[in-house]
Amino acid sequence: MPSEWIEVRCYSGHTYAQEPRAFVWRGQEYAVEGIERAWREPAGPRWRVRSAAGTVTLGYDEAEDAWWLELAS
């Protein structure tokens, strides 16, 4: 379950949401500094990314057409 719904800027080539580039969390924008892991779940794609906010998981829920963030444990 998503921790928080957020806004994400992403690269979209042949499909939407191919790779996150930046996200806005709690009023601050963070650049994605690196992608540690990318995978797909039934609801949509997921990425574990590094940023100035730390390591977080970003997910795109295709049915909701919305992005969410979860802090990495």
PDB file of N, CA and C in Angstrom:
ATOM      1  N   MET A   1       0.840  -1.185   0.000  1.00  0.00           N
ATOM      2  CA  MET A   1       0.000   0.000   0.000  1.00  0.00           C
ATOM      3  C   MET A   1       0.879   1.239   0.000  1.00  0.00           C
ATOM      4  N   PRO A   2       0.537   2.220  -0.814  1.00  0.00           N
ATOM      5  CA  PRO A   2       1.349   3.433  -0.904  1.00  0.00           C
ATOM      6  C   PRO A   2       1.409   4.182   0.418  1.00  0.00           C
ATOM      7  N   SER A   3       2.601   4.702   0.714  1.00  0.00           N
ATOM      8  CA  SER A   3       2.757   5.544   1.892  1.00  0.00           C
ATOM      9  C   SER A   3       2.188   6.931   1.630  1.00  0.00           C
ATOM     10  N   GLU A   4       2.562   7.509   0.493  1.00  0.00           N
ATOM     11  CA  GLU A   4       2.108   8.860   0.146  1.00  0.00           C
ATOM     12  C   GLU A   4       1.971   8.976  -1.365  1.00  0.00           C
ATOM     13  N   TRP A   5       0.909   9.632  -1.798  1.00  0.00           N
ATOM     14  CA  TRP A   5       0.753   9.937  -3.225  1.00  0.00           C
ATOM     15  C   TRP A   5       1.604  11.167  -3.508  1.00  0.00           C
ATOM     16  N   ILE A   6       2.315  11.153  -4.623  1.00  0.00           N
ATOM     17  CA  ILE A   6       3.239  12.240  -4.943  1.00  0.00           C
ATOM     18  C   ILE A   6       3.166  12.592  -6.421  1.00  0.00           C
ATOM     19  N   GLU A   7       3.909  13.629  -6.788  1.00  0.00           N
ATOM     20  CA  GLU A   7       4.063  14.045  -8.189  1.00  0.00           C
ATOM     21  C   GLU A   7       5.442  13.592  -8.652  1.00  0.00           C
ATOM     22  N   VAL A   8       5.514  13.024  -9.858  1.00  0.00           N
ATOM     23  CA  VAL A   8       6.781  12.531 -10.401  1.00  0.00           C
ATOM     24  C   VAL A   8       6.956  13.044 -11.819  1.00  0.00           C
ATOM     25  N   ARG A   9       8.173  13.483 -12.124  1.00  0.00           N
ATOM     26  CA  ARG A   9       8.549  13.772 -13.514  1.00  0.00           C
ATOM     27  C   ARG A   9       9.308  12.546 -14.005  1.00  0.00           C
ATOM     28  N   CYS A  10       8.911  12.045 -15.158  1.00  0.00           N
ATOM     29  CA  CYS A  10       9.526  10.815 -15.639  1.00  0.00           C
ATOM     30  C   CYS A  10       9.845  10.901 -17.123  1.00  0.00           C
ATOM     31  N   TYR A  11      10.721  10.005 -17.544  1.00  0.00           N
ATOM     32  CA  TYR A  11      10.998   9.815 -18.957  1.00  0.00           C
ATOM     33  C   TYR A  11       9.940   8.872 -19.505  1.00  0.00           C
ATOM     34  N   SER A  12       9.356   9.255 -20.622  1.00  0.00           N
ATOM     35  CA  SER A  12       8.385   8.400 -21.300  1.00  0.00           C
ATOM     36  C   SER A  12       8.760   8.345 -22.771  1.00  0.00           C
ATOM     37  N   GLY A  13       9.153   7.191 -23.224  1.00  0.00           N
ATOM     38  CA  GLY A  13       9.514   6.996 -24.621  1.00  0.00           C
ATOM     39  C   GLY A  13       8.367   6.337 -25.347  1.00  0.00           C
ATOM     40  N   HIS A  14       8.486   5.038 -25.573  1.00  0.00           N
ATOM     41  CA  HIS A  14       7.426   4.311 -26.277  1.00  0.00           C
ATOM     42  C   HIS A  14       6.226   4.023 -25.375  1.00  0.00           C
ATOM     43  N   THR A  15       6.397   4.127 -24.059  1.00  0.00           N
ATOM     44  CA  THR A  15       5.283   4.003 -23.117  1.00  0.00           C
ATOM     45  C   THR A  15       5.438   5.052 -22.028  1.00  0.00           C
ATOM     46  N   TYR A  16       4.356   5.305 -21.289  1.00  0.00           N
ATOM     47  CA  TYR A  16       4.410   6.261 -20.190  1.00  0.00           C
ATOM     48  C   TYR A  16       5.134   5.637 -18.998  1.00  0.00           C
ATOM     49  N   ALA A  17       5.821   6.475 -18.265  1.00  0.00           N
ATOM     50  CA  ALA A  17       6.472   6.092 -17.003  1.00  0.00           C
ATOM     51  C   ALA A  17       7.542   5.021 -17.197  1.00  0.00           C
ATOM     52  N   GLN A  18       8.469   5.268 -18.108  1.00  0.00           N
ATOM     53  CA  GLN A  18       9.555   4.314 -18.301  1.00  0.00           C
ATOM     54  C   GLN A  18      10.622   4.442 -17.223  1.00  0.00           C
ATOM     55  N   GLU A  19      10.852   5.670 -16.740  1.00  0.00           N
ATOM     56  CA  GLU A  19      11.891   5.877 -15.731  1.00  0.00           C
ATOM     57  C   GLU A  19      11.663   7.196 -15.012  1.00  0.00           C
ATOM     58  N   PRO A  20      11.611   7.182 -13.674  1.00  0.00           N
ATOM     59  CA  PRO A  20      11.440   8.439 -12.942  1.00  0.00           C
ATOM     60  C   PRO A  20      12.715   9.277 -12.994  1.00  0.00           C
ATOM     61  N   ARG A  21      12.554  10.584 -13.114  1.00  0.00           N
ATOM     62  CA  ARG A  21      13.702  11.500 -13.157  1.00  0.00           C
ATOM     63  C   ARG A  21      13.747  12.416 -11.941  1.00  0.00           C
ATOM     64  N   ALA A  22      12.578  12.775 -11.394  1.00  0.00           N
ATOM     65  CA  ALA A  22      12.490  13.641 -10.212  1.00  0.00           C
ATOM     66  C   ALA A  22      11.121  13.440  -9.580  1.00  0.00           C
ATOM     67  N   PHE A  23      11.028  13.773  -8.289  1.00  0.00           N
ATOM     68  CA  PHE A  23       9.749  13.672  -7.603  1.00  0.00           C
ATOM     69  C   PHE A  23       9.600  14.803  -6.601  1.00  0.00           C
ATOM     70  N   VAL A  24       8.344  15.183  -6.360  1.00  0.00           N
ATOM     71  CA  VAL A  24       8.038  16.212  -5.372  1.00  0.00           C
ATOM     72  C   VAL A  24       7.446  15.510  -4.167  1.00  0.00           C
ATOM     73  N   TRP A  25       8.102  15.701  -3.023  1.00  0.00           N
ATOM     74  CA  TRP A  25       7.679  15.060  -1.782  1.00  0.00           C
ATOM     75  C   TRP A  25       7.688  16.090  -0.672  1.00  0.00           C
ATOM     76  N   ARG A  26       6.533  16.264  -0.051  1.00  0.00           N
ATOM     77  CA  ARG A  26       6.377  17.217   1.054  1.00  0.00           C
ATOM     78  C   ARG A  26       6.844  18.618   0.667  1.00  0.00           C
ATOM     79  N   GLY A  27       6.464  19.020  -0.553  1.00  0.00           N
ATOM     80  CA  GLY A  27       6.738  20.372  -1.024  1.00  0.00           C
ATOM     81  C   GLY A  27       8.127  20.610  -1.576  1.00  0.00           C
ATOM     82  N   GLN A  28       8.984  19.606  -1.617  1.00  0.00           N
ATOM     83  CA  GLN A  28      10.349  19.754  -2.113  1.00  0.00           C
ATOM     84  C   GLN A  28      10.571  18.827  -3.295  1.00  0.00           C
ATOM     85  N   GLU A  29      11.268  19.335  -4.321  1.00  0.00           N
ATOM     86  CA  GLU A  29      11.587  18.494  -5.474  1.00  0.00           C
ATOM     87  C   GLU A  29      12.951  17.850  -5.282  1.00  0.00           C
ATOM     88  N   TYR A  30      13.024  16.553  -5.598  1.00  0.00           N
ATOM     89  CA  TYR A  30      14.256  15.781  -5.483  1.00  0.00           C
ATOM     90  C   TYR A  30      14.571  15.137  -6.825  1.00  0.00           C
ATOM     91  N   ALA A  31      15.816  15.280  -7.265  1.00  0.00           N
ATOM     92  CA  ALA A  31      16.261  14.597  -8.481  1.00  0.00           C
ATOM     93  C   ALA A  31      16.552  13.143  -8.146  1.00  0.00           C
ATOM     94  N   VAL A  32      16.242  12.258  -9.069  1.00  0.00           N
ATOM     95  CA  VAL A  32      16.615  10.854  -8.924  1.00  0.00           C
ATOM     96  C   VAL A  32      18.094  10.769  -9.294  1.00  0.00           C
ATOM     97  N   GLU A  33      18.917  10.413  -8.322  1.00  0.00           N
ATOM     98  CA  GLU A  33      20.365  10.350  -8.530  1.00  0.00           C
ATOM     99  C   GLU A  33      20.818   9.006  -9.072  1.00  0.00           C
ATOM    100  N   GLY A  34      20.025   7.983  -8.842  1.00  0.00           N
ATOM    101  CA  GLY A  34      20.357   6.663  -9.359  1.00  0.00           C
ATOM    102  C   GLY A  34      19.220   5.687  -9.111  1.00  0.00           C
ATOM    103  N   ILE A  35      19.116   4.718  -9.977  1.00  0.00           N
ATOM    104  CA  ILE A  35      18.098   3.675  -9.834  1.00  0.00           C
ATOM    105  C   ILE A  35      18.807   2.406  -9.393  1.00  0.00           C
ATOM    106  N   GLU A  36      18.445   1.917  -8.219  1.00  0.00           N
ATOM    107  CA  GLU A  36      19.054   0.702  -7.690  1.00  0.00           C
ATOM    108  C   GLU A  36      18.376  -0.557  -8.210  1.00  0.00           C
ATOM    109  N   ARG A  37      17.075  -0.448  -8.435  1.00  0.00           N
ATOM    110  CA  ARG A  37      16.320  -1.625  -8.874  1.00  0.00           C
ATOM    111  C   ARG A  37      15.053  -1.172  -9.574  1.00  0.00           C
ATOM    112  N   ALA A  38      14.660  -1.876 -10.604  1.00  0.00           N
ATOM    113  CA  ALA A  38      13.391  -1.620 -11.297  1.00  0.00           C
ATOM    114  C   ALA A  38      12.696  -2.965 -11.479  1.00  0.00           C
ATOM    115  N   TRP A  39      11.382  -2.980 -11.266  1.00  0.00           N
ATOM    116  CA  TRP A  39      10.606  -4.206 -11.440  1.00  0.00           C
ATOM    117  C   TRP A  39       9.167  -3.846 -11.733  1.00  0.00           C
ATOM    118  N   ARG A  40       8.390  -4.838 -12.043  1.00  0.00           N
ATOM    119  CA  ARG A  40       6.974  -4.632 -12.355  1.00  0.00           C
ATOM    120  C   ARG A  40       6.132  -5.515 -11.452  1.00  0.00           C
ATOM    121  N   GLU A  41       5.060  -4.939 -10.940  1.00  0.00           N
ATOM    122  CA  GLU A  41       4.064  -5.669 -10.168  1.00  0.00           C
ATOM    123  C   GLU A  41       2.743  -5.565 -10.919  1.00  0.00           C
ATOM    124  N   PRO A  42       1.729  -6.328 -10.535  1.00  0.00           N
ATOM    125  CA  PRO A  42       0.457  -6.276 -11.267  1.00  0.00           C
ATOM    126  C   PRO A  42      -0.132  -4.860 -11.390  1.00  0.00           C
ATOM    127  N   ALA A  43       0.034  -4.027 -10.381  1.00  0.00           N
ATOM    128  CA  ALA A  43      -0.535  -2.669 -10.430  1.00  0.00           C
ATOM    129  C   ALA A  43       0.270  -1.708 -11.293  1.00  0.00           C
ATOM    130  N   GLY A  44       1.547  -2.046 -11.572  1.00  0.00           N
ATOM    131  CA  GLY A  44       2.362  -1.167 -12.395  1.00  0.00           C
ATOM    132  C   GLY A  44       3.832  -1.229 -12.025  1.00  0.00           C
ATOM    133  N   PRO A  45       4.660  -0.398 -12.679  1.00  0.00           N
ATOM    134  CA  PRO A  45       6.106  -0.437 -12.459  1.00  0.00           C
ATOM    135  C   PRO A  45       6.512   0.157 -11.111  1.00  0.00           C
ATOM    136  N   ARG A  46       7.670  -0.309 -10.628  1.00  0.00           N
ATOM    137  CA  ARG A  46       8.248   0.145  -9.361  1.00  0.00           C
ATOM    138  C   ARG A  46       9.734   0.394  -9.560  1.00  0.00           C
ATOM    139  N   TRP A  47      10.268   1.346  -8.778  1.00  0.00           N
ATOM    140  CA  TRP A  47      11.694   1.647  -8.803  1.00  0.00           C
ATOM    141  C   TRP A  47      12.183   1.916  -7.397  1.00  0.00           C
ATOM    142  N   ARG A  48      13.322   1.401  -7.044  1.00  0.00           N
ATOM    143  CA  ARG A  48      14.009   1.803  -5.816  1.00  0.00           C
ATOM    144  C   ARG A  48      15.085   2.785  -6.273  1.00  0.00           C
ATOM    145  N   VAL A  49      14.992   4.029  -5.784  1.00  0.00           N
ATOM    146  CA  VAL A  49      15.868   5.095  -6.265  1.00  0.00           C
ATOM    147  C   VAL A  49      16.617   5.763  -5.120  1.00  0.00           C
ATOM    148  N   ARG A  50      17.781   6.348  -5.469  1.00  0.00           N
ATOM    149  CA  ARG A  50      18.549   7.170  -4.544  1.00  0.00           C
ATOM    150  C   ARG A  50      18.307   8.632  -4.879  1.00  0.00           C
ATOM    151  N   SER A  51      18.193   9.443  -3.815  1.00  0.00           N
ATOM    152  CA  SER A  51      18.010  10.882  -3.982  1.00  0.00           C
ATOM    153  C   SER A  51      18.532  11.571  -2.731  1.00  0.00           C
ATOM    154  N   ALA A  52      18.498  12.897  -2.723  1.00  0.00           N
ATOM    155  CA  ALA A  52      18.901  13.653  -1.526  1.00  0.00           C
ATOM    156  C   ALA A  52      17.973  13.352  -0.356  1.00  0.00           C
ATOM    157  N   ALA A  53      16.784  12.833  -0.616  1.00  0.00           N
ATOM    158  CA  ALA A  53      15.843  12.452   0.442  1.00  0.00           C
ATOM    159  C   ALA A  53      16.172  11.071   1.010  1.00  0.00           C
ATOM    160  N   GLY A  54      17.134  10.379   0.416  1.00  0.00           N
ATOM    161  CA  GLY A  54      17.484   9.026   0.825  1.00  0.00           C
ATOM    162  C   GLY A  54      17.042   8.034  -0.228  1.00  0.00           C
ATOM    163  N   THR A  55      17.034   6.771   0.149  1.00  0.00           N
ATOM    164  CA  THR A  55      16.581   5.715  -0.755  1.00  0.00           C
ATOM    165  C   THR A  55      15.088   5.506  -0.537  1.00  0.00           C
ATOM    166  N   VAL A  56      14.338   5.579  -1.622  1.00  0.00           N
ATOM    167  CA  VAL A  56      12.881   5.431  -1.557  1.00  0.00           C
ATOM    168  C   VAL A  56      12.417   4.512  -2.673  1.00  0.00           C
ATOM    169  N   THR A  57      11.214   4.004  -2.528  1.00  0.00           N
ATOM    170  CA  THR A  57      10.578   3.234  -3.591  1.00  0.00           C
ATOM    171  C   THR A  57       9.497   4.111  -4.208  1.00  0.00           C
ATOM    172  N   LEU A  58       9.543   4.247  -5.526  1.00  0.00           N
ATOM    173  CA  LEU A  58       8.517   4.965  -6.278  1.00  0.00           C
ATOM    174  C   LEU A  58       7.708   3.944  -7.058  1.00  0.00           C
ATOM    175  N   GLY A  59       6.421   4.140  -7.098  1.00  0.00           N
ATOM    176  CA  GLY A  59       5.556   3.244  -7.851  1.00  0.00           C
ATOM    177  C   GLY A  59       4.536   4.024  -8.645  1.00  0.00           C
ATOM    178  N   TYR A  60       4.210   3.501  -9.791  1.00  0.00           N
ATOM    179  CA  TYR A  60       3.156   4.087 -10.614  1.00  0.00           C
ATOM    180  C   TYR A  60       1.996   3.116 -10.642  1.00  0.00           C
ATOM    181  N   ASP A  61       0.857   3.546 -10.138  1.00  0.00           N
ATOM    182  CA  ASP A  61      -0.359   2.728 -10.124  1.00  0.00           C
ATOM    183  C   ASP A  61      -1.127   3.037 -11.401  1.00  0.00           C
ATOM    184  N   GLU A  62      -1.106   2.102 -12.331  1.00  0.00           N
ATOM    185  CA  GLU A  62      -1.703   2.342 -13.648  1.00  0.00           C
ATOM    186  C   GLU A  62      -3.213   2.531 -13.576  1.00  0.00           C
ATOM    187  N   ALA A  63      -3.916   1.794 -12.738  1.00  0.00           N
ATOM    188  CA  ALA A  63      -5.371   1.930 -12.634  1.00  0.00           C
ATOM    189  C   ALA A  63      -5.777   3.275 -12.061  1.00  0.00           C
ATOM    190  N   GLU A  64      -5.004   3.773 -11.118  1.00  0.00           N
ATOM    191  CA  GLU A  64      -5.292   5.073 -10.490  1.00  0.00           C
ATOM    192  C   GLU A  64      -4.676   6.234 -11.265  1.00  0.00           C
ATOM    193  N   ASP A  65      -3.762   5.936 -12.188  1.00  0.00           N
ATOM    194  CA  ASP A  65      -2.993   6.953 -12.903  1.00  0.00           C
ATOM    195  C   ASP A  65      -2.340   7.895 -11.891  1.00  0.00           C
ATOM    196  N   ALA A  66      -1.661   7.304 -10.907  1.00  0.00           N
ATOM    197  CA  ALA A  66      -1.068   8.084  -9.830  1.00  0.00           C
ATOM    198  C   ALA A  66       0.243   7.450  -9.372  1.00  0.00           C
ATOM    199  N   TRP A  67       1.126   8.309  -8.879  1.00  0.00           N
ATOM    200  CA  TRP A  67       2.423   7.894  -8.349  1.00  0.00           C
ATOM    201  C   TRP A  67       2.378   7.877  -6.835  1.00  0.00           C
ATOM    202  N   TRP A  68       3.178   6.995  -6.232  1.00  0.00           N
ATOM    203  CA  TRP A  68       3.294   6.958  -4.784  1.00  0.00           C
ATOM    204  C   TRP A  68       4.751   6.754  -4.378  1.00  0.00           C
ATOM    205  N   LEU A  69       5.038   7.104  -3.142  1.00  0.00           N
ATOM    206  CA  LEU A  69       6.374   6.984  -2.567  1.00  0.00           C
ATOM    207  C   LEU A  69       6.292   6.187  -1.272  1.00  0.00           C
ATOM    208  N   GLU A  70       7.281   5.348  -1.070  1.00  0.00           N
ATOM    209  CA  GLU A  70       7.406   4.609   0.175  1.00  0.00           C
ATOM    210  C   GLU A  70       8.858   4.687   0.615  1.00  0.00           C
ATOM    211  N   LEU A  71       9.094   5.046   1.872  1.00  0.00           N
ATOM    212  CA  LEU A  71      10.460   5.105   2.382  1.00  0.00           C
ATOM    213  C   LEU A  71      11.037   3.703   2.448  1.00  0.00           C
ATOM    214  N   ALA A  72      12.289   3.572   2.033  1.00  0.00           N
ATOM    215  CA  ALA A  72      12.959   2.266   2.070  1.00  0.00           C
ATOM    216  C   ALA A  72      13.302   1.928   3.507  1.00  0.00           C
ATOM    217  N   SER A  73      13.166   0.664   3.827  1.00  0.00           N
ATOM    218  CA  SER A  73      13.499   0.261   5.198  1.00  0.00           C
ATOM    219  C   SER A  73      14.915  -0.249   5.306  1.00  0.00           C
TER     220      SER A  73
END
